[in-house]
PDB file of N, CA and C in Angstrom:
ATOM      1  N   MET A   1     -32.718 -37.671  23.452  1.00  0.00           N
ATOM      2  CA  MET A   1     -33.608 -37.495  23.023  1.00  0.00           C
ATOM      3  C   MET A   1     -33.402 -36.069  22.756  1.00  0.00           C
ATOM      4  N   SER A   2     -33.908 -35.190  21.221  1.00  0.00           N
ATOM      5  CA  SER A   2     -33.240 -33.999  21.127  1.00  0.00           C
ATOM      6  C   SER A   2     -34.519 -32.252  21.753  1.00  0.00           C
ATOM      7  N   ARG A   3     -33.823 -31.479  21.999  1.00  0.00           N
ATOM      8  CA  ARG A   3     -34.135 -30.919  22.965  1.00  0.00           C
ATOM      9  C   ARG A   3     -34.597 -30.245  21.931  1.00  0.00           C
ATOM     10  N   ARG A   4     -36.120 -30.677  21.933  1.00  0.00           N
ATOM     11  CA  ARG A   4     -36.942 -29.687  20.991  1.00  0.00           C
ATOM     12  C   ARG A   4     -38.704 -30.172  21.849  1.00  0.00           C
ATOM     13  N   CYS A   5     -39.365 -29.114  21.515  1.00  0.00           N
ATOM     14  CA  CYS A   5     -40.984 -29.526  21.884  1.00  0.00           C
ATOM     15  C   CYS A   5     -41.672 -29.902  20.680  1.00  0.00           C
ATOM     16  N   ALA A   6     -42.589 -30.694  21.289  1.00  0.00           N
ATOM     17  CA  ALA A   6     -42.831 -31.649  20.012  1.00  0.00           C
ATOM     18  C   ALA A   6     -44.241 -30.598  19.593  1.00  0.00           C
ATOM     19  N   VAL A   7     -44.796 -29.819  20.341  1.00  0.00           N
ATOM     20  CA  VAL A   7     -46.119 -29.177  20.057  1.00  0.00           C
ATOM     21  C   VAL A   7     -45.299 -27.658  19.377  1.00  0.00           C
ATOM     22  N   THR A   8     -44.534 -26.961  19.701  1.00  0.00           N
ATOM     23  CA  THR A   8     -44.059 -25.798  19.655  1.00  0.00           C
ATOM     24  C   THR A   8     -43.246 -25.108  18.276  1.00  0.00           C
ATOM     25  N   GLY A   9     -41.962 -26.316  18.971  1.00  0.00           N
ATOM     26  CA  GLY A   9     -40.913 -26.992  17.882  1.00  0.00           C
ATOM     27  C   GLY A   9     -39.668 -25.621  18.666  1.00  0.00           C
ATOM     28  N   ALA A  10     -40.039 -25.220  19.898  1.00  0.00           N
ATOM     29  CA  ALA A  10     -39.008 -24.669  20.435  1.00  0.00           C
ATOM     30  C   ALA A  10     -37.793 -25.684  20.591  1.00  0.00           C
ATOM     31  N   ALA A  11     -36.145 -24.795  20.281  1.00  0.00           N
ATOM     32  CA  ALA A  11     -35.125 -25.395  20.161  1.00  0.00           C
ATOM     33  C   ALA A  11     -34.536 -24.648  20.828  1.00  0.00           C
ATOM     34  N   PRO A  12     -33.558 -25.424  21.018  1.00  0.00           N
ATOM     35  CA  PRO A  12     -32.110 -24.431  21.893  1.00  0.00           C
ATOM     36  C   PRO A  12     -31.818 -23.214  20.990  1.00  0.00           C
ATOM     37  N   SER A  13     -31.341 -22.103  22.032  1.00  0.00           N
ATOM     38  CA  SER A  13     -31.044 -20.423  20.861  1.00  0.00           C
ATOM     39  C   SER A  13     -29.826 -20.590  21.685  1.00  0.00           C
ATOM     40  N   PHE A  14     -29.021 -19.906  20.592  1.00  0.00           N
ATOM     41  CA  PHE A  14     -27.450 -19.835  21.213  1.00  0.00           C
ATOM     42  C   PHE A  14     -27.131 -17.924  21.083  1.00  0.00           C
ATOM     43  N   GLY A  15     -25.773 -17.371  22.433  1.00  0.00           N
ATOM     44  CA  GLY A  15     -26.009 -16.338  22.142  1.00  0.00           C
ATOM     45  C   GLY A  15     -24.070 -16.444  23.229  1.00  0.00           C
ATOM     46  N   ASN A  16     -24.530 -15.348  23.265  1.00  0.00           N
ATOM     47  CA  ASN A  16     -22.453 -15.255  24.059  1.00  0.00           C
ATOM     48  C   ASN A  16     -23.188 -14.736  25.667  1.00  0.00           C
ATOM     49  N   ALA A  17     -22.096 -15.564  26.600  1.00  0.00           N
ATOM     50  CA  ALA A  17     -21.813 -14.746  27.613  1.00  0.00           C
ATOM     51  C   ALA A  17     -21.217 -13.852  27.664  1.00  0.00           C
ATOM     52  N   VAL A  18     -21.217 -12.866  28.126  1.00  0.00           N
ATOM     53  CA  VAL A  18     -20.729 -11.867  28.531  1.00  0.00           C
ATOM     54  C   VAL A  18     -20.246 -11.203  30.088  1.00  0.00           C
ATOM     55  N   SER A  19     -19.075 -11.326  30.296  1.00  0.00           N
ATOM     56  CA  SER A  19     -18.347 -10.966  32.088  1.00  0.00           C
ATOM     57  C   SER A  19     -18.705  -9.994  32.385  1.00  0.00           C
ATOM     58  N   HIS A  20     -17.992  -9.873  33.494  1.00  0.00           N
ATOM     59  CA  HIS A  20     -17.832  -8.377  34.029  1.00  0.00           C
ATOM     60  C   HIS A  20     -16.227  -7.823  32.885  1.00  0.00           C
ATOM     61  N   SER A  21     -15.914  -8.025  32.673  1.00  0.00           N
ATOM     62  CA  SER A  21     -14.821  -7.726  31.981  1.00  0.00           C
ATOM     63  C   SER A  21     -15.431  -7.429  29.971  1.00  0.00           C
ATOM     64  N   HIS A  22     -16.502  -7.931  29.964  1.00  0.00           N
ATOM     65  CA  HIS A  22     -16.979  -8.005  28.634  1.00  0.00           C
ATOM     66  C   HIS A  22     -16.514  -9.020  28.040  1.00  0.00           C
ATOM     67  N   ARG A  23     -15.368  -9.990  28.928  1.00  0.00           N
ATOM     68  CA  ARG A  23     -15.301 -11.346  27.663  1.00  0.00           C
ATOM     69  C   ARG A  23     -16.547 -11.995  27.091  1.00  0.00           C
ATOM     70  N   ARG A  24     -16.397 -12.427  25.988  1.00  0.00           N
ATOM     71  CA  ARG A  24     -17.552 -13.437  25.400  1.00  0.00           C
ATOM     72  C   ARG A  24     -17.169 -14.825  25.411  1.00  0.00           C
ATOM     73  N   THR A  25     -18.236 -15.306  25.205  1.00  0.00           N
ATOM     74  CA  THR A  25     -18.165 -17.390  25.323  1.00  0.00           C
ATOM     75  C   THR A  25     -19.289 -17.529  24.973  1.00  0.00           C
ATOM     76  N   ARG A  26     -19.311 -18.291  24.265  1.00  0.00           N
ATOM     77  CA  ARG A  26     -20.630 -18.880  23.716  1.00  0.00           C
ATOM     78  C   ARG A  26     -21.440 -19.746  24.533  1.00  0.00           C
ATOM     79  N   ARG A  27     -22.419 -19.729  24.311  1.00  0.00           N
ATOM     80  CA  ARG A  27     -23.653 -20.352  25.423  1.00  0.00           C
ATOM     81  C   ARG A  27     -24.910 -20.757  24.934  1.00  0.00           C
ATOM     82  N   ARG A  28     -25.603 -21.608  25.344  1.00  0.00           N
ATOM     83  CA  ARG A  28     -27.018 -21.699  25.063  1.00  0.00           C
ATOM     84  C   ARG A  28     -28.089 -22.086  26.142  1.00  0.00           C
ATOM     85  N   TRP A  29     -29.128 -21.151  25.665  1.00  0.00           N
ATOM     86  CA  TRP A  29     -30.954 -20.843  26.178  1.00  0.00           C
ATOM     87  C   TRP A  29     -31.536 -22.613  25.862  1.00  0.00           C
ATOM     88  N   ASN A  30     -31.535 -23.624  26.678  1.00  0.00           N
ATOM     89  CA  ASN A  30     -32.114 -24.416  26.506  1.00  0.00           C
ATOM     90  C   ASN A  30     -33.974 -23.940  26.465  1.00  0.00           C
ATOM     91  N   PRO A  31     -34.987 -25.113  26.344  1.00  0.00           N
ATOM     92  CA  PRO A  31     -36.137 -24.306  26.627  1.00  0.00           C
ATOM     93  C   PRO A  31     -36.631 -25.304  27.799  1.00  0.00           C
ATOM     94  N   ASN A  32     -37.860 -24.957  28.737  1.00  0.00           N
ATOM     95  CA  ASN A  32     -38.169 -25.898  29.510  1.00  0.00           C
ATOM     96  C   ASN A  32     -39.064 -26.794  29.539  1.00  0.00           C
ATOM     97  N   LEU A  33     -38.080 -28.255  28.975  1.00  0.00           N
ATOM     98  CA  LEU A  33     -38.817 -29.199  28.599  1.00  0.00           C
ATOM     99  C   LEU A  33     -39.521 -30.308  29.648  1.00  0.00           C
ATOM    100  N   GLN A  34     -40.891 -30.927  29.290  1.00  0.00           N
ATOM    101  CA  GLN A  34     -41.024 -31.429  30.024  1.00  0.00           C
ATOM    102  C   GLN A  34     -41.623 -32.505  30.215  1.00  0.00           C
ATOM    103  N   ARG A  35     -41.443 -33.851  30.102  1.00  0.00           N
ATOM    104  CA  ARG A  35     -42.089 -35.190  29.852  1.00  0.00           C
ATOM    105  C   ARG A  35     -43.294 -35.350  30.320  1.00  0.00           C
ATOM    106  N   HIS A  36     -44.124 -35.588  29.654  1.00  0.00           N
ATOM    107  CA  HIS A  36     -45.977 -35.521  30.544  1.00  0.00           C
ATOM    108  C   HIS A  36     -46.403 -36.572  29.448  1.00  0.00           C
ATOM    109  N   ARG A  37     -46.988 -37.448  29.960  1.00  0.00           N
ATOM    110  CA  ARG A  37     -47.675 -38.525  29.784  1.00  0.00           C
ATOM    111  C   ARG A  37     -49.618 -38.329  29.687  1.00  0.00           C
ATOM    112  N   TYR A  38     -49.835 -38.331  28.741  1.00  0.00           N
ATOM    113  CA  TYR A  38     -51.494 -37.872  28.195  1.00  0.00           C
ATOM    114  C   TYR A  38     -51.893 -39.362  27.737  1.00  0.00           C
ATOM    115  N   ARG A  39     -53.405 -39.154  28.448  1.00  0.00           N
ATOM    116  CA  ARG A  39     -54.004 -40.709  28.185  1.00  0.00           C
ATOM    117  C   ARG A  39     -55.180 -40.024  26.559  1.00  0.00           C
ATOM    118  N   VAL A  40     -55.117 -40.468  25.578  1.00  0.00           N
ATOM    119  CA  VAL A  40     -55.532 -39.831  24.486  1.00  0.00           C
ATOM    120  C   VAL A  40     -57.020 -41.275  24.608  1.00  0.00           C
ATOM    121  N   ALA A  41     -58.181 -40.291  24.977  1.00  0.00           N
ATOM    122  CA  ALA A  41     -59.270 -41.157  25.267  1.00  0.00           C
ATOM    123  C   ALA A  41     -59.601 -41.931  23.621  1.00  0.00           C
ATOM    124  N   GLY A  42     -59.796 -41.297  22.373  1.00  0.00           N
ATOM    125  CA  GLY A  42     -60.211 -41.827  21.364  1.00  0.00           C
ATOM    126  C   GLY A  42     -59.474 -42.716  20.992  1.00  0.00           C
ATOM    127  N   GLU A  43     -58.154 -43.054  21.024  1.00  0.00           N
ATOM    128  CA  GLU A  43     -57.499 -44.064  20.735  1.00  0.00           C
ATOM    129  C   GLU A  43     -57.005 -45.152  21.900  1.00  0.00           C
ATOM    130  N   ARG A  44     -57.725 -45.141  23.314  1.00  0.00           N
ATOM    131  CA  ARG A  44     -57.092 -45.925  23.924  1.00  0.00           C
ATOM    132  C   ARG A  44     -56.031 -46.136  24.646  1.00  0.00           C
ATOM    133  N   ARG A  45     -55.334 -45.306  24.522  1.00  0.00           N
ATOM    134  CA  ARG A  45     -53.737 -45.426  25.355  1.00  0.00           C
ATOM    135  C   ARG A  45     -53.152 -44.179  25.440  1.00  0.00           C
ATOM    136  N   PHE A  46     -52.280 -44.158  26.078  1.00  0.00           N
ATOM    137  CA  PHE A  46     -51.447 -43.507  26.515  1.00  0.00           C
ATOM    138  C   PHE A  46     -50.257 -43.035  25.958  1.00  0.00           C
ATOM    139  N   VAL A  47     -50.286 -41.370  25.244  1.00  0.00           N
ATOM    140  CA  VAL A  47     -49.057 -40.841  24.618  1.00  0.00           C
ATOM    141  C   VAL A  47     -48.521 -40.073  25.576  1.00  0.00           C
ATOM    142  N   THR A  48     -46.812 -40.419  25.262  1.00  0.00           N
ATOM    143  CA  THR A  48     -45.531 -39.493  26.213  1.00  0.00           C
ATOM    144  C   THR A  48     -45.260 -38.588  25.057  1.00  0.00           C
ATOM    145  N   LEU A  49     -45.508 -36.804  25.695  1.00  0.00           N
ATOM    146  CA  LEU A  49     -44.761 -35.918  24.775  1.00  0.00           C
ATOM    147  C   LEU A  49     -43.476 -34.881  25.329  1.00  0.00           C
ATOM    148  N   THR A  50     -42.821 -34.826  25.023  1.00  0.00           N
ATOM    149  CA  THR A  50     -41.600 -34.188  25.418  1.00  0.00           C
ATOM    150  C   THR A  50     -41.974 -32.723  24.810  1.00  0.00           C
ATOM    151  N   LEU A  51     -42.607 -31.719  25.898  1.00  0.00           N
ATOM    152  CA  LEU A  51     -43.380 -30.529  25.709  1.00  0.00           C
ATOM    153  C   LEU A  51     -42.328 -28.843  26.794  1.00  0.00           C
ATOM    154  N   THR A  52     -42.398 -28.016  26.212  1.00  0.00           N
ATOM    155  CA  THR A  52     -42.231 -26.958  26.695  1.00  0.00           C
ATOM    156  C   THR A  52     -43.313 -26.530  27.961  1.00  0.00           C
ATOM    157  N   ALA A  53     -43.353 -25.738  28.872  1.00  0.00           N
ATOM    158  CA  ALA A  53     -44.010 -25.147  29.929  1.00  0.00           C
ATOM    159  C   ALA A  53     -45.084 -24.802  28.777  1.00  0.00           C
ATOM    160  N   LYS A  54     -45.045 -23.844  28.126  1.00  0.00           N
ATOM    161  CA  LYS A  54     -46.024 -23.396  27.278  1.00  0.00           C
ATOM    162  C   LYS A  54     -46.653 -24.300  26.588  1.00  0.00           C
ATOM    163  N   ALA A  55     -46.286 -25.396  25.855  1.00  0.00           N
ATOM    164  CA  ALA A  55     -47.085 -26.244  25.576  1.00  0.00           C
ATOM    165  C   ALA A  55     -47.537 -27.016  26.317  1.00  0.00           C
ATOM    166  N   LEU A  56     -47.385 -27.056  27.492  1.00  0.00           N
ATOM    167  CA  LEU A  56     -48.398 -27.805  28.555  1.00  0.00           C
ATOM    168  C   LEU A  56     -49.576 -26.829  28.506  1.00  0.00           C
ATOM    169  N   ARG A  57     -49.692 -25.590  28.822  1.00  0.00           N
ATOM    170  CA  ARG A  57     -50.712 -24.999  28.652  1.00  0.00           C
ATOM    171  C   ARG A  57     -51.755 -24.952  27.591  1.00  0.00           C
ATOM    172  N   THR A  58     -50.978 -24.909  26.295  1.00  0.00           N
ATOM    173  CA  THR A  58     -51.634 -24.994  24.997  1.00  0.00           C
ATOM    174  C   THR A  58     -52.147 -26.317  25.034  1.00  0.00           C
ATOM    175  N   VAL A  59     -52.099 -27.341  25.818  1.00  0.00           N
ATOM    176  CA  VAL A  59     -52.452 -28.833  25.621  1.00  0.00           C
ATOM    177  C   VAL A  59     -53.788 -28.697  26.394  1.00  0.00           C
ATOM    178  N   ASP A  60     -53.649 -27.816  27.418  1.00  0.00           N
ATOM    179  CA  ASP A  60     -54.466 -27.922  28.270  1.00  0.00           C
ATOM    180  C   ASP A  60     -55.924 -27.058  27.888  1.00  0.00           C
ATOM    181  N   ARG A  61     -55.267 -26.068  26.858  1.00  0.00           N
ATOM    182  CA  ARG A  61     -56.289 -25.235  26.565  1.00  0.00           C
ATOM    183  C   ARG A  61     -57.006 -25.590  25.780  1.00  0.00           C
ATOM    184  N   LYS A  62     -56.676 -26.662  24.359  1.00  0.00           N
ATOM    185  CA  LYS A  62     -56.883 -27.172  23.493  1.00  0.00           C
ATOM    186  C   LYS A  62     -57.452 -28.415  23.321  1.00  0.00           C
ATOM    187  N   GLY A  63     -56.988 -29.095  24.098  1.00  0.00           N
ATOM    188  CA  GLY A  63     -57.351 -30.754  24.512  1.00  0.00           C
ATOM    189  C   GLY A  63     -56.048 -31.734  23.936  1.00  0.00           C
ATOM    190  N   ILE A  64     -56.013 -32.742  24.595  1.00  0.00           N
ATOM    191  CA  ILE A  64     -55.061 -34.051  24.046  1.00  0.00           C
ATOM    192  C   ILE A  64     -55.555 -33.816  22.541  1.00  0.00           C
ATOM    193  N   ASP A  65     -56.763 -34.242  22.285  1.00  0.00           N
ATOM    194  CA  ASP A  65     -57.439 -34.852  21.459  1.00  0.00           C
ATOM    195  C   ASP A  65     -56.768 -34.179  20.006  1.00  0.00           C
ATOM    196  N   ARG A  66     -56.972 -32.653  20.510  1.00  0.00           N
ATOM    197  CA  ARG A  66     -56.714 -31.822  18.860  1.00  0.00           C
ATOM    198  C   ARG A  66     -55.162 -31.336  18.728  1.00  0.00           C
ATOM    199  N   VAL A  67     -54.769 -31.603  19.797  1.00  0.00           N
ATOM    200  CA  VAL A  67     -53.318 -31.742  19.814  1.00  0.00           C
ATOM    201  C   VAL A  67     -52.602 -32.935  19.095  1.00  0.00           C
ATOM    202  N   VAL A  68     -52.995 -34.420  19.428  1.00  0.00           N
ATOM    203  CA  VAL A  68     -52.485 -34.955  18.466  1.00  0.00           C
ATOM    204  C   VAL A  68     -53.443 -35.259  17.025  1.00  0.00           C
ATOM    205  N   ALA A  69     -53.911 -34.708  16.873  1.00  0.00           N
ATOM    206  CA  ALA A  69     -54.442 -34.636  15.718  1.00  0.00           C
ATOM    207  C   ALA A  69     -53.546 -33.612  14.660  1.00  0.00           C
ATOM    208  N   GLU A  70     -52.958 -32.398  15.144  1.00  0.00           N
ATOM    209  CA  GLU A  70     -52.576 -31.530  14.618  1.00  0.00           C
ATOM    210  C   GLU A  70     -51.089 -31.806  14.436  1.00  0.00           C
ATOM    211  N   LEU A  71     -50.939 -32.682  15.341  1.00  0.00           N
ATOM    212  CA  LEU A  71     -49.142 -33.335  15.055  1.00  0.00           C
ATOM    213  C   LEU A  71     -49.311 -34.662  14.113  1.00  0.00           C
ATOM    214  N   ARG A  72     -50.098 -35.211  14.255  1.00  0.00           N
ATOM    215  CA  ARG A  72     -50.939 -36.604  13.012  1.00  0.00           C
ATOM    216  C   ARG A  72     -50.679 -35.668  11.711  1.00  0.00           C
ATOM    217  N   ALA A  73     -51.080 -34.434  11.561  1.00  0.00           N
ATOM    218  CA  ALA A  73     -51.473 -33.811  10.697  1.00  0.00           C
ATOM    219  C   ALA A  73     -49.943 -33.332   9.533  1.00  0.00           C
ATOM    220  N   ARG A  74     -49.051 -32.625  10.343  1.00  0.00           N
ATOM    221  CA  ARG A  74     -48.045 -32.347  10.079  1.00  0.00           C
ATOM    222  C   ARG A  74     -46.608 -33.642  10.346  1.00  0.00           C
ATOM    223  N   GLY A  75     -47.201 -34.742  10.365  1.00  0.00           N
ATOM    224  CA  GLY A  75     -46.714 -35.938   9.993  1.00  0.00           C
ATOM    225  C   GLY A  75     -45.983 -36.901  11.376  1.00  0.00           C
ATOM    226  N   VAL A  76     -46.291 -36.392  12.506  1.00  0.00           N
ATOM    227  CA  VAL A  76     -45.083 -36.533  13.536  1.00  0.00           C
ATOM    228  C   VAL A  76     -45.872 -37.641  14.059  1.00  0.00           C
ATOM    229  N   ARG A  77     -44.243 -39.142  14.396  1.00  0.00           N
ATOM    230  CA  ARG A  77     -45.534 -40.202  14.751  1.00  0.00           C
ATOM    231  C   ARG A  77     -45.297 -40.328  16.270  1.00  0.00           C
ATOM    232  N   LEU A  78     -46.851 -40.601  16.571  1.00  0.00           N
ATOM    233  CA  LEU A  78     -46.524 -41.078  18.072  1.00  0.00           C
ATOM    234  C   LEU A  78     -46.518 -42.537  18.479  1.00  0.00           C
TER     235      LEU A  78
END
């Protein structure tokens, strides 16, 4: 499973961890990914999506049917 949101496309970002003595080592910030299973009424089936917490709110606002249609228009296979 890639660490990428299906709706927003959020991926890990990279930077430096800076210690008290200012030594720098590389680190990464992972997105807050959640696996969520939605029932798509128009297709009479369930779809499991890997989403960030922000994308979960987007699906609540737009509705799962509209989000699935946008994903299909982008060429995402569900």
